[in-house]
Amino acid sequence: MSRTYVRRRRTTFIVALGLLTAVLYGPVAGAVAGQRVPSAKPQTYIVATGDTLWGIASRLRPGTDPRPIIQQIQQLNGVEAGSLAPGQRLLIPVAG
């Protein structure tokens, strides 16, 4: 076998292994880190007196950073942090 043939096979193997790792790394890393992908159908939450987006997000996903959840709630509902009113219905992204 020529050296060029061996190098090509080795390079092809390394590239294929790298692509396979990249494809598998995303879902596995998300599962290991405890990240959840929101499902297509959000749930409804009714705001109680004294509720804040930070408090709602913290209760929904304890032990995680509430900022991404707050951002999702704001985008789904078109609300700002200080504009919540008791009895208001919010769409909440559900962990999948």
Protein backbone atom coordinates (compact mmCIF):
# COMPACT_ATOMS: atom_id res chain seq x y z
CA MET A 1 0.00 0.00 0.00
CA SER A 2 1.19 3.46 -0.79
CA ARG A 3 1.58 6.12 1.88
CA THR A 4 -0.93 8.35 0.09
CA TYR A 5 -3.61 5.65 0.29
CA VAL A 6 -3.03 5.17 4.04
CA ARG A 7 -3.11 8.93 4.67
CA ARG A 8 -6.37 9.30 2.73
CA ARG A 9 -8.02 6.48 4.65
CA ARG A 10 -6.80 7.88 7.95
CA THR A 11 -7.99 11.39 7.04
CA THR A 12 -11.37 10.07 5.90
CA PHE A 13 -11.75 8.14 9.14
CA ILE A 14 -10.86 11.16 11.29
CA VAL A 15 -13.27 13.44 9.40
CA ALA A 16 -16.08 10.86 9.63
CA LEU A 17 -15.43 10.41 13.35
CA GLY A 18 -15.48 14.17 13.84
CA LEU A 19 -18.80 14.52 12.00
CA LEU A 20 -20.34 11.67 13.96
CA THR A 21 -19.17 13.25 17.22
CA ALA A 22 -20.64 16.61 16.21
CA VAL A 23 -24.00 15.05 15.33
CA LEU A 24 -24.21 13.10 18.59
CA TYR A 25 -22.72 15.75 20.87
CA GLY A 26 -25.65 18.21 20.68
CA PRO A 27 -28.45 15.94 21.92
CA VAL A 28 -26.24 14.12 24.41
CA ALA A 29 -24.82 17.34 25.84
CA GLY A 30 -28.32 18.77 26.25
CA ALA A 31 -29.51 15.65 28.05
CA VAL A 32 -26.47 15.55 30.32
CA ALA A 33 -26.77 19.25 31.19
CA GLY A 34 -30.46 18.83 31.95
CA GLN A 35 -31.59 21.20 29.23
CA ARG A 36 -35.07 20.69 27.93
CA VAL A 37 -36.50 21.65 24.59
CA PRO A 38 -39.87 23.38 24.82
CA SER A 39 -42.71 21.39 23.32
CA ALA A 40 -44.95 22.83 20.64
CA LYS A 41 -47.94 23.18 22.99
CA PRO A 42 -47.35 25.58 25.92
CA GLN A 43 -49.31 25.34 29.16
CA THR A 44 -51.33 28.17 30.71
CA TYR A 45 -50.39 29.86 33.98
CA ILE A 46 -52.65 32.31 35.80
CA VAL A 47 -50.72 35.10 37.50
CA ALA A 48 -51.30 35.38 41.26
CA THR A 49 -50.81 38.47 43.42
CA GLY A 50 -47.11 39.10 43.92
CA ASP A 51 -45.97 36.88 41.04
CA THR A 52 -42.97 37.97 39.00
CA LEU A 53 -41.52 36.45 35.86
CA TRP A 54 -38.40 35.56 37.83
CA GLY A 55 -40.44 33.77 40.51
CA ILE A 56 -42.57 31.92 37.95
CA ALA A 57 -39.51 30.79 35.99
CA SER A 58 -37.71 29.73 39.18
CA ARG A 59 -40.67 27.59 40.26
CA LEU A 60 -40.99 26.02 36.81
CA ARG A 61 -37.36 24.94 36.54
CA PRO A 62 -35.75 24.92 39.99
CA GLY A 63 -31.97 24.82 40.00
CA THR A 64 -31.59 26.34 36.53
CA ASP A 65 -30.96 29.87 35.32
CA PRO A 66 -34.43 31.46 35.00
CA ARG A 67 -33.39 34.07 32.40
CA PRO A 68 -33.92 31.89 29.29
CA ILE A 69 -37.36 30.86 30.54
CA ILE A 70 -38.26 34.47 31.31
CA GLN A 71 -37.27 35.42 27.77
CA GLN A 72 -39.44 32.63 26.33
CA ILE A 73 -42.42 33.70 28.45
CA GLN A 74 -41.98 37.32 27.34
CA GLN A 75 -41.80 36.30 23.68
CA LEU A 76 -44.83 33.99 23.89
CA ASN A 77 -46.99 36.57 25.66
CA GLY A 78 -45.62 39.95 24.63
CA VAL A 79 -45.25 41.05 28.26
CA GLU A 80 -42.60 42.98 30.15
CA ALA A 81 -41.28 42.06 33.60
CA GLY A 82 -43.22 44.72 35.53
CA SER A 83 -46.51 44.47 33.64
CA LEU A 84 -48.00 41.33 35.20
CA ALA A 85 -51.48 41.62 36.71
CA PRO A 86 -53.25 39.11 38.99
CA GLY A 87 -55.58 36.90 36.98
CA GLN A 88 -53.61 37.41 33.75
CA ARG A 89 -53.11 34.25 31.69
CA LEU A 90 -49.59 33.48 30.51
CA LEU A 91 -48.50 30.85 28.05
CA ILE A 92 -45.60 28.93 29.56
CA PRO A 93 -43.20 26.83 27.47
CA VAL A 94 -43.42 23.20 28.60
CA ALA A 95 -40.28 21.15 28.96
CA GLY A 96 -40.23 18.27 26.51
